[in-house]
Protein backbone atom coordinates (compact mmCIF):
# COMPACT_ATOMS: atom_id res chain seq x y z
CA UNK A 1 9.27 45.39 -44.96
CA UNK A 2 7.73 44.14 -41.73
CA UNK A 3 10.27 43.46 -39.00
CA UNK A 4 8.13 40.46 -37.98
CA UNK A 5 8.47 38.71 -41.35
CA UNK A 6 10.52 35.54 -41.59
CA UNK A 7 11.52 34.79 -45.17
CA UNK A 8 12.47 31.61 -46.98
CA UNK A 9 13.97 30.85 -50.40
CA UNK A 10 15.93 28.22 -52.26
CA UNK A 11 19.48 29.59 -52.42
CA UNK A 12 20.84 27.22 -55.06
CA UNK A 13 20.15 27.39 -58.84
CA UNK A 14 16.97 25.81 -60.25
CA UNK A 15 17.16 22.23 -61.47
CA UNK A 16 18.52 18.95 -60.19
CA UNK A 17 21.78 18.78 -58.25
CA UNK A 18 23.61 16.84 -55.59
CA UNK A 19 22.98 19.50 -52.94
CA UNK A 20 20.27 22.13 -52.56
CA UNK A 21 20.15 24.87 -49.93
CA UNK A 22 17.05 26.41 -48.38
CA UNK A 23 17.69 29.65 -46.52
CA UNK A 24 15.49 31.10 -43.74
CA UNK A 25 15.95 34.46 -42.02
CA UNK A 26 13.85 36.25 -39.43
CA UNK A 27 12.63 36.06 -35.84
CA UNK A 28 10.84 32.73 -36.36
CA UNK A 29 13.95 30.89 -37.61
CA UNK A 30 14.71 29.21 -34.28
CA UNK A 31 11.09 28.15 -33.76
CA UNK A 32 11.01 26.72 -37.31
CA UNK A 33 14.14 24.73 -36.52
CA UNK A 34 12.42 23.23 -33.47
CA UNK A 35 9.35 22.21 -35.50
CA UNK A 36 11.16 21.04 -38.64
CA UNK A 37 14.11 19.24 -37.02
CA UNK A 38 12.76 18.37 -33.59
CA UNK A 39 15.58 20.30 -31.93
CA UNK A 40 17.60 23.49 -32.26
CA UNK A 41 21.04 22.93 -33.83
CA UNK A 42 24.15 24.09 -32.01
CA UNK A 43 24.92 27.63 -33.26
CA UNK A 44 27.30 27.81 -36.22
CA UNK A 45 27.89 24.03 -36.36
CA UNK A 46 26.76 21.79 -39.22
CA UNK A 47 24.36 19.29 -37.66
CA UNK A 48 23.07 16.13 -39.31
CA UNK A 49 19.28 16.19 -39.06
CA UNK A 50 16.08 14.78 -40.49
CA UNK A 51 13.68 17.33 -41.98
CA UNK A 52 10.09 16.36 -41.14
CA UNK A 53 6.66 17.39 -42.37
CA UNK A 54 3.65 18.27 -40.19
CA UNK A 55 2.86 14.58 -39.60
CA UNK A 56 6.42 13.78 -38.54
CA UNK A 57 7.24 11.94 -41.76
CA UNK A 58 10.73 12.50 -43.16
CA UNK A 59 11.02 14.90 -46.10
CA UNK A 60 14.79 14.45 -46.36
CA UNK A 61 17.94 14.12 -44.27
CA UNK A 62 20.81 16.59 -44.49
CA UNK A 63 22.73 19.28 -42.67
CA UNK A 64 21.23 22.15 -40.70
CA UNK A 65 23.10 25.30 -39.67
CA UNK A 66 21.71 27.80 -37.19
CA UNK A 67 23.09 31.37 -37.03
CA UNK A 68 21.59 33.29 -34.07
CA UNK A 69 21.25 37.06 -34.43
CA UNK A 70 23.22 39.22 -34.81
CA UNK A 71 26.00 36.89 -35.97
CA UNK A 72 24.59 35.98 -39.37
CA UNK A 73 24.74 37.33 -42.90
CA UNK A 74 21.45 39.20 -42.48
CA UNK A 75 21.98 40.14 -38.85
CA UNK A 76 18.83 38.17 -37.98
CA UNK A 77 18.23 34.66 -36.71
CA UNK A 78 18.99 32.47 -39.72
CA UNK A 79 18.70 28.80 -40.59
CA UNK A 80 20.14 26.95 -43.57
CA UNK A 81 18.97 23.51 -44.64
CA UNK A 82 21.40 21.59 -46.88
CA UNK A 83 19.30 18.89 -48.49
CA UNK A 84 19.50 16.72 -51.59
CA UNK A 85 19.13 18.90 -54.66
CA UNK A 86 15.94 17.58 -56.22
CA UNK A 87 13.33 20.24 -57.06
CA UNK A 88 10.54 18.23 -55.37
CA UNK A 89 12.50 17.92 -52.12
CA UNK A 90 13.47 21.59 -52.01
CA UNK A 91 9.96 22.75 -52.82
CA UNK A 92 8.58 20.51 -50.06
CA UNK A 93 10.97 22.11 -47.56
CA UNK A 94 9.97 25.61 -48.68
CA UNK A 95 6.26 24.77 -48.38
CA UNK A 96 6.84 23.32 -44.92
CA UNK A 97 8.58 26.54 -43.85
CA UNK A 98 5.73 28.63 -45.26
CA UNK A 99 3.25 26.53 -43.29
CA UNK A 100 5.34 27.28 -40.19
CA UNK A 101 5.05 31.03 -40.71
CA UNK A 102 7.55 32.06 -43.41
CA UNK A 103 6.81 33.95 -46.58
CA UNK A 104 8.73 33.64 -49.89
CA UNK A 105 11.66 36.03 -50.10
CA UNK A 106 11.85 38.70 -52.77
CA UNK A 107 14.92 38.84 -55.08
CA UNK A 108 17.86 40.16 -53.08
CA UNK A 109 15.90 40.38 -49.83
CA UNK A 110 18.54 38.57 -47.75
CA UNK A 111 21.18 41.07 -48.93
CA UNK A 112 18.73 43.92 -48.41
CA UNK A 113 18.22 42.85 -44.79
CA UNK A 114 21.98 42.60 -44.33
CA UNK A 115 22.23 46.22 -45.51
CA UNK A 116 19.33 47.45 -43.39
CA UNK A 117 20.80 45.74 -40.33
CA UNK A 118 24.21 47.32 -40.86
CA UNK A 119 26.08 44.13 -41.79
CA UNK A 120 27.15 45.44 -45.22
CA UNK A 121 26.73 48.63 -47.21
CA UNK A 122 25.22 48.84 -50.69
CA UNK A 123 28.57 48.82 -52.49
CA UNK A 124 29.47 45.57 -50.71
CA UNK A 125 26.07 44.08 -51.53
CA UNK A 126 26.58 44.93 -55.19
CA UNK A 127 30.02 43.32 -54.98
CA UNK A 128 28.32 40.08 -53.89
CA UNK A 129 26.01 40.22 -56.92
CA UNK A 130 28.90 41.04 -59.24
CA UNK A 131 30.89 38.08 -57.91
CA UNK A 132 27.99 35.76 -58.72
CA UNK A 133 27.72 37.21 -62.24
CA UNK A 134 31.48 37.47 -62.91
CA UNK A 135 32.42 36.26 -66.39
CA UNK A 136 36.21 36.31 -65.90
CA UNK A 137 38.83 35.87 -63.19
CA UNK A 138 39.64 39.59 -63.35
CA UNK A 139 35.98 40.47 -62.84
CA UNK A 140 35.72 38.02 -59.94
CA UNK A 141 38.79 39.48 -58.23
CA UNK A 142 37.46 43.01 -58.62
CA UNK A 143 34.09 41.89 -57.21
CA UNK A 144 35.75 40.27 -54.20
CA UNK A 145 37.55 43.54 -53.46
CA UNK A 146 34.24 45.41 -53.50
CA UNK A 147 32.52 42.70 -51.47
CA UNK A 148 35.26 42.93 -48.84
CA UNK A 149 34.85 46.71 -48.65
CA UNK A 150 37.69 48.10 -50.82
CA UNK A 151 35.41 50.49 -52.71
CA UNK A 152 33.60 51.49 -49.51
CA UNK A 153 36.89 52.13 -47.70
CA UNK A 154 38.04 54.54 -50.41
CA UNK A 155 34.70 56.36 -50.30
CA UNK A 156 34.88 56.59 -46.49
CA UNK A 157 38.42 58.00 -46.73
CA UNK A 158 37.12 60.68 -49.11
CA UNK A 159 34.26 61.39 -46.73
CA UNK A 160 36.66 61.83 -43.80
CA UNK A 161 38.85 64.26 -45.74
CA UNK A 162 35.77 66.10 -46.96
CA UNK A 163 34.42 66.41 -43.41
CA UNK A 164 37.68 67.97 -42.25
CA UNK A 165 37.47 70.48 -45.09
CA UNK A 166 33.84 71.27 -44.30
CA UNK A 167 34.81 72.02 -40.69
CA UNK A 168 37.31 74.60 -41.91
CA UNK A 169 34.80 76.22 -44.27
CA UNK A 170 32.11 76.25 -41.59
CA UNK A 171 34.57 78.07 -39.34
CA UNK A 172 34.68 80.87 -41.90
CA UNK A 173 30.89 81.13 -41.58
CA UNK A 174 30.80 80.97 -37.76
CA UNK A 175 33.67 83.43 -37.25
CA UNK A 176 33.38 85.96 -40.10
CA UNK A 177 35.14 88.73 -38.18
CA UNK A 178 38.35 86.82 -37.61
CA UNK A 179 41.39 88.36 -39.23
CA UNK A 180 42.45 85.07 -40.83
CA UNK A 181 40.90 84.80 -44.34
CA UNK A 182 39.97 81.14 -44.05
CA UNK A 183 38.69 80.72 -47.61
CA UNK A 184 41.69 82.42 -49.15
CA UNK A 185 44.40 80.42 -47.47
CA UNK A 186 46.26 77.66 -49.26
CA UNK A 187 44.88 74.93 -47.03
CA UNK A 188 41.33 75.10 -48.40
CA UNK A 189 42.50 75.37 -52.01
CA UNK A 190 44.90 72.47 -51.53
CA UNK A 191 42.19 70.40 -49.86
CA UNK A 192 39.80 70.93 -52.76
CA UNK A 193 42.47 70.04 -55.32
CA UNK A 194 43.48 66.94 -53.36
CA UNK A 195 39.87 65.77 -53.15
CA UNK A 196 39.36 66.25 -56.89
CA UNK A 197 42.50 64.23 -57.63
CA UNK A 198 41.40 61.40 -55.32
CA UNK A 199 37.92 61.31 -56.87
CA UNK A 200 39.43 61.23 -60.35
CA UNK A 201 41.66 58.29 -59.39
CA UNK A 202 38.69 56.43 -57.92
CA UNK A 203 36.60 57.21 -61.00
CA UNK A 204 39.29 55.76 -63.28
CA UNK A 205 39.43 52.55 -61.25
CA UNK A 206 35.63 52.37 -61.11
CA UNK A 207 35.43 52.87 -64.88
CA UNK A 208 37.62 49.79 -65.38
CA UNK A 209 35.43 47.97 -62.88
CA UNK A 210 32.28 48.89 -64.80
CA UNK A 211 33.79 47.48 -67.96
CA UNK A 212 34.64 44.23 -66.20
CA UNK A 213 31.04 43.94 -64.96
CA UNK A 214 29.06 45.32 -67.88
CA UNK A 215 31.46 44.69 -70.73
CA UNK A 216 32.88 46.92 -73.43
CA UNK A 217 30.77 48.58 -76.13
CA UNK A 218 32.87 48.36 -79.30
CA UNK A 219 31.65 50.31 -82.35
CA UNK A 220 33.00 49.27 -85.75
CA UNK A 221 33.14 52.33 -88.01
CA UNK A 222 34.68 53.43 -91.28
CA UNK A 223 33.92 54.10 -94.93
CA UNK A 224 31.70 51.81 -97.03
CA UNK A 225 33.32 48.54 -98.15
CA UNK A 226 36.18 48.86 -95.67
CA UNK A 227 35.29 45.43 -94.28
CA UNK A 228 33.36 46.46 -91.17
CA UNK A 229 30.72 43.73 -91.48
CA UNK A 230 33.38 41.12 -92.27
CA UNK A 231 35.22 42.13 -89.10
CA UNK A 232 31.95 41.94 -87.16
CA UNK A 233 31.39 38.38 -88.40
CA UNK A 234 34.98 37.38 -87.60
CA UNK A 235 34.76 38.69 -84.01
CA UNK A 236 31.29 37.20 -83.53
CA UNK A 237 32.31 33.81 -84.90
CA UNK A 238 29.15 33.74 -86.99
CA UNK A 239 27.66 35.42 -90.06
CA UNK A 240 25.53 37.93 -88.19
CA UNK A 241 26.03 40.71 -90.76
CA UNK A 242 25.37 40.64 -94.52
CA UNK A 243 28.58 41.05 -96.54
CA UNK A 244 28.46 42.14 -100.19
CA UNK A 245 30.56 44.16 -102.63
CA UNK A 246 27.78 46.77 -102.82
CA UNK A 247 28.76 49.93 -100.88
CA UNK A 248 26.27 50.90 -98.19
CA UNK A 249 24.87 47.41 -97.56
CA UNK A 250 24.65 48.11 -93.83
CA UNK A 251 22.03 50.81 -93.26
CA UNK A 252 21.24 50.43 -89.56
CA UNK A 253 23.06 49.53 -86.36
CA UNK A 254 23.70 45.81 -86.00
CA UNK A 255 24.43 44.60 -82.46
CA UNK A 256 25.91 41.34 -81.23
CA UNK A 257 27.41 40.40 -77.85
CA UNK A 258 30.22 37.90 -77.36
CA UNK A 259 32.45 36.72 -74.53
CA UNK A 260 36.09 37.31 -75.32
CA UNK A 261 38.26 35.56 -72.75
CA UNK A 262 35.39 35.88 -70.28
CA UNK A 263 34.98 39.61 -70.93
CA UNK A 264 31.62 40.71 -72.39
CA UNK A 265 32.04 42.61 -75.65
CA UNK A 266 29.03 44.40 -77.14
CA UNK A 267 29.83 44.79 -80.84
CA UNK A 268 28.03 47.39 -82.96
CA UNK A 269 28.37 47.37 -86.76
CA UNK A 270 27.50 50.69 -88.40
CA UNK A 271 26.67 52.23 -91.75
CA UNK A 272 29.62 53.43 -93.83
CA UNK A 273 30.59 57.06 -93.21
CA UNK A 274 30.24 59.08 -96.41
CA UNK A 275 27.95 61.65 -98.04
CA UNK A 276 24.53 60.00 -97.95
CA UNK A 277 22.85 59.03 -101.21
CA UNK A 278 19.30 59.02 -99.84
CA UNK A 279 17.27 59.70 -96.70
CA UNK A 280 17.55 56.12 -95.42
CA UNK A 281 21.33 56.11 -95.68
CA UNK A 282 21.47 59.56 -94.05
CA UNK A 283 19.57 58.22 -91.05
CA UNK A 284 21.89 55.22 -90.86
CA UNK A 285 24.94 57.51 -90.84
CA UNK A 286 23.36 59.69 -88.14
CA UNK A 287 22.81 56.61 -85.99
CA UNK A 288 26.38 55.49 -86.67
CA UNK A 289 27.80 58.79 -85.42
CA UNK A 290 25.54 58.67 -82.36
CA UNK A 291 26.79 55.15 -81.57
CA UNK A 292 30.40 56.31 -81.97
CA UNK A 293 29.80 59.10 -79.45
CA UNK A 294 28.52 56.56 -76.88
CA UNK A 295 31.18 53.91 -77.49
CA UNK A 296 33.77 52.67 -75.03
CA UNK A 297 36.05 51.93 -77.97
CA UNK A 298 35.86 52.62 -81.71
CA UNK A 299 37.48 50.33 -84.27
CA UNK A 300 37.96 52.53 -87.35
CA UNK A 301 38.35 50.15 -90.27
CA UNK A 302 40.46 51.22 -93.27
CA UNK A 303 40.63 49.33 -96.57
CA UNK A 304 44.40 48.90 -96.84
CA UNK A 305 44.06 47.58 -100.40
CA UNK A 306 42.51 50.77 -101.76
CA UNK A 307 43.38 53.57 -99.31
CA UNK A 308 46.63 55.11 -98.17
CA UNK A 309 46.18 55.49 -94.41
CA UNK A 310 48.97 58.09 -94.24
CA UNK A 311 46.97 60.67 -96.16
CA UNK A 312 45.86 63.77 -94.31
CA UNK A 313 42.26 62.84 -95.09
CA UNK A 314 42.45 60.08 -92.51
CA UNK A 315 43.52 62.57 -89.87
CA UNK A 316 40.54 64.73 -90.79
CA UNK A 317 38.24 61.73 -90.46
CA UNK A 318 39.61 60.99 -87.00
CA UNK A 319 39.03 64.60 -85.91
CA UNK A 320 35.41 64.35 -87.05
CA UNK A 321 34.73 61.42 -84.71
CA UNK A 322 33.55 62.01 -81.15
CA UNK A 323 36.39 63.59 -79.14
CA UNK A 324 37.58 61.66 -76.14
CA UNK A 325 36.42 58.25 -77.37
CA UNK A 326 39.32 55.72 -77.43
CA UNK A 327 40.04 54.70 -81.00
CA UNK A 328 42.02 51.97 -82.74
CA UNK A 329 42.67 51.99 -86.48
CA UNK A 330 42.23 48.60 -88.13
CA UNK A 331 44.10 48.23 -91.45
CA UNK A 332 41.98 45.55 -93.10
CA UNK A 333 42.47 43.44 -96.27
CA UNK A 334 46.22 43.07 -95.89
CA UNK A 335 45.85 39.69 -97.65
CA UNK A 336 45.09 41.58 -100.88
CA UNK A 337 48.39 43.49 -100.86
CA UNK A 338 50.67 40.67 -99.72
CA UNK A 339 51.43 42.12 -96.28
CA UNK A 340 51.68 39.84 -93.26
CA UNK A 341 50.17 40.96 -89.96
CA UNK A 342 52.90 42.58 -87.87
CA UNK A 343 53.95 40.88 -84.64
CA UNK A 344 53.31 44.12 -82.74
CA UNK A 345 51.14 47.15 -83.16
CA UNK A 346 52.63 50.24 -84.80
CA UNK A 347 51.57 53.60 -86.12
CA UNK A 348 50.55 53.73 -89.77
CA UNK A 349 53.20 56.36 -90.56
CA UNK A 350 56.00 54.56 -88.71
CA UNK A 351 59.17 53.30 -90.40
CA UNK A 352 58.65 50.08 -92.26
CA UNK A 353 55.03 50.77 -93.05
CA UNK A 354 53.85 49.23 -96.32
CA UNK A 355 52.58 52.65 -97.45
CA UNK A 356 54.40 55.85 -98.38
CA UNK A 357 55.12 58.00 -95.34
CA UNK A 358 53.96 61.62 -95.27
CA UNK A 359 53.51 64.31 -92.58
CA UNK A 360 50.02 63.77 -91.18
CA UNK A 361 48.32 64.41 -87.85
CA UNK A 362 49.27 62.02 -85.06
CA UNK A 363 47.11 58.94 -85.47
CA UNK A 364 46.20 56.27 -82.95
CA UNK A 365 48.03 52.95 -82.90
CA UNK A 366 46.71 50.59 -85.52
CA UNK A 367 46.47 46.87 -86.07
CA UNK A 368 46.95 45.20 -89.46
CA UNK A 369 44.72 42.24 -90.18
CA UNK A 370 42.57 40.43 -92.66
CA UNK A 371 38.96 39.95 -91.60
CA UNK A 372 38.58 37.44 -94.46
CA UNK A 373 41.49 35.13 -93.54
CA UNK A 374 41.72 35.91 -89.82
CA UNK A 375 45.38 36.97 -89.99
CA UNK A 376 46.14 39.47 -87.22
CA UNK A 377 42.72 39.12 -85.57
CA UNK A 378 44.24 37.50 -82.47
CA UNK A 379 46.13 40.71 -81.70
CA UNK A 380 42.91 42.67 -82.06
CA UNK A 381 41.18 40.28 -79.65
CA UNK A 382 44.01 40.78 -77.15
CA UNK A 383 43.65 44.55 -77.51
CA UNK A 384 39.91 44.31 -76.85
CA UNK A 385 40.44 42.18 -73.74
CA UNK A 386 43.03 44.61 -72.41
CA UNK A 387 40.72 47.57 -73.10
CA UNK A 388 37.98 45.84 -71.10
CA UNK A 389 40.36 45.39 -68.15
CA UNK A 390 40.70 41.61 -68.44
CA UNK A 391 44.49 41.75 -68.14
CA UNK A 392 44.50 44.27 -65.31
CA UNK A 393 46.02 42.92 -62.10
CA UNK A 394 45.95 46.22 -60.26
CA UNK A 395 44.72 45.86 -56.69
CA UNK A 396 42.97 49.23 -57.03
CA UNK A 397 40.43 47.99 -59.60
CA UNK A 398 37.08 47.25 -57.97
CA UNK A 399 33.78 46.12 -59.44
CA UNK A 400 31.53 49.12 -59.92
CA UNK A 401 28.22 50.19 -61.42
CA UNK A 402 27.19 53.05 -63.67
CA UNK A 403 25.46 54.66 -60.71
CA UNK A 404 28.81 54.80 -58.88
CA UNK A 405 30.38 56.64 -61.83
CA UNK A 406 27.46 59.06 -61.99
CA UNK A 407 27.77 59.78 -58.26
CA UNK A 408 31.54 60.40 -58.61
CA UNK A 409 30.94 62.69 -61.60
CA UNK A 410 28.42 64.74 -59.61
CA UNK A 411 30.82 64.92 -56.66
CA UNK A 412 33.61 66.18 -58.93
CA UNK A 413 31.30 68.75 -60.53
CA UNK A 414 30.30 70.13 -57.12
CA UNK A 415 33.97 70.30 -56.09
CA UNK A 416 34.70 72.27 -59.25
CA UNK A 417 31.88 74.67 -58.38
CA UNK A 418 33.25 75.00 -54.84
CA UNK A 419 36.68 75.91 -56.24
CA UNK A 420 35.18 78.59 -58.50
CA UNK A 421 33.02 80.06 -55.72
CA UNK A 422 35.99 80.20 -53.33
CA UNK A 423 38.21 81.83 -55.96
CA UNK A 424 35.78 84.25 -57.60
CA UNK A 425 33.19 85.09 -54.94
CA UNK A 426 34.65 84.04 -51.61
CA UNK A 427 31.23 83.26 -50.13
CA UNK A 428 31.74 80.55 -47.48
CA UNK A 429 28.02 79.70 -47.40
CA UNK A 430 28.05 78.76 -51.08
CA UNK A 431 31.25 76.75 -50.70
CA UNK A 432 29.74 74.91 -47.74
CA UNK A 433 26.62 74.06 -49.75
CA UNK A 434 28.69 72.66 -52.63
CA UNK A 435 30.66 70.52 -50.18
CA UNK A 436 27.42 69.25 -48.65
CA UNK A 437 26.32 68.17 -52.14
CA UNK A 438 29.66 66.39 -52.61
CA UNK A 439 29.12 64.47 -49.39
CA UNK A 440 25.58 63.49 -50.41
CA UNK A 441 26.80 62.23 -53.82
CA UNK A 442 29.52 60.10 -52.22
CA UNK A 443 27.03 58.80 -49.67
CA UNK A 444 24.87 57.39 -52.45
CA UNK A 445 27.62 54.91 -53.32
CA UNK A 446 27.59 53.21 -49.93
CA UNK A 447 23.94 53.86 -49.13
CA UNK A 448 24.30 56.56 -46.50
CA UNK A 449 22.07 58.84 -48.59
CA UNK A 450 19.87 56.62 -50.74
CA UNK A 451 16.19 56.78 -51.65
CA UNK A 452 13.91 53.80 -51.14
CA UNK A 453 13.28 53.71 -54.89
CA UNK A 454 16.98 53.28 -55.57
CA UNK A 455 17.23 50.57 -52.91
CA UNK A 456 14.38 48.69 -54.56
CA UNK A 457 16.00 48.97 -57.99
CA UNK A 458 19.36 47.72 -56.71
CA UNK A 459 18.11 44.66 -54.84
CA UNK A 460 15.43 43.79 -57.40
CA UNK A 461 18.18 42.64 -59.76
CA UNK A 462 19.71 40.19 -57.27
CA UNK A 463 19.14 36.44 -57.29
CA UNK A 464 16.28 35.02 -55.24
CA UNK A 465 17.83 33.54 -52.12
CA UNK A 466 20.70 36.04 -51.99
């Protein structure tokens, strides 16, 4: 990016509207104001002005705001023109600015300049984008926290504690002959453990933030004819999956995304889990198990009309699913056995269950419903929204990206290696190197250590004009 470039873009959505905003940033902004308005507006005051073309004819009349550097969003001289929101008017203003020396801005270039000029860090810039894209109040609140620096502040606090620990480890390298065994004392071990706990807490909050931003991948699994496709259609509000009485109708993954209370849910219907009858079904089952392993949540559907969910076989089926993936059992077809949906969730082997109780492995909570009639589906929808973080009011939840989680996972892995090296080898040089890697991983979140390729990928997905 040339430091001499002055950029221009329409900052409001395409189409007709009452108001449209044209944004200009760069060293020529003040000169463009002189040529376009005939004067330079008072800094940071909305000034009524006429916007004129090269011949002095009026293009439009509206408000102009001038933000001299460095007191602007980008840190550069900036000018905003608030005109009437017709596409012809806004395009005429943009073309006039280009004739005066601007060039069209790339997607996210205003935010990129704000980052490069030290006005915001990358995590804050991503919070701005997440706020624009927020699909629920919870997501918007989390995005505002990131935009205002909550995520960055927690990362900086980790960095400060890590720096103090690195100083102590470096002392063991610089003064190897000292009698005090600096790597063996409790202070270093405690510091490493405290850092790992803080990173784990931040990772948990970031994971909820990712779900608010990206949505929840929900895989619907179970045996053939359990009602998986019927449940998919009920949650989707449309007949997106074929439903028949023939076992094994679904052979491949079927995907459909919905908004549930403003939370994006990415539903995946899968082939029934059983011994495959042919090569095509075997491939479908393989893909089903792969989808289960990648899921944020698995809905394991059980045919309550034909299966006893308290049997040990169900526990075996649960153990065969991907470990660590959150799972909810859905007892479907309760309309066929005359059971009403319970007012609250319960375990299938709890007192009052409509099935005989027997000692079985501990099973996840389950929800009784009928995908055909819709009875009990509202409680399942509430569970899905809660799993996605929609009902979370915790002030610690911040909007986050997958790259943040990956950076935190790498930081935690390097801390684990540092603990093992300190305990088993006692080589301060190796511990110091692991801690340096931790600091680099954390720095990627806020942009302290970020490649140009990553910067381009981040800002390329922003809106034009932001």
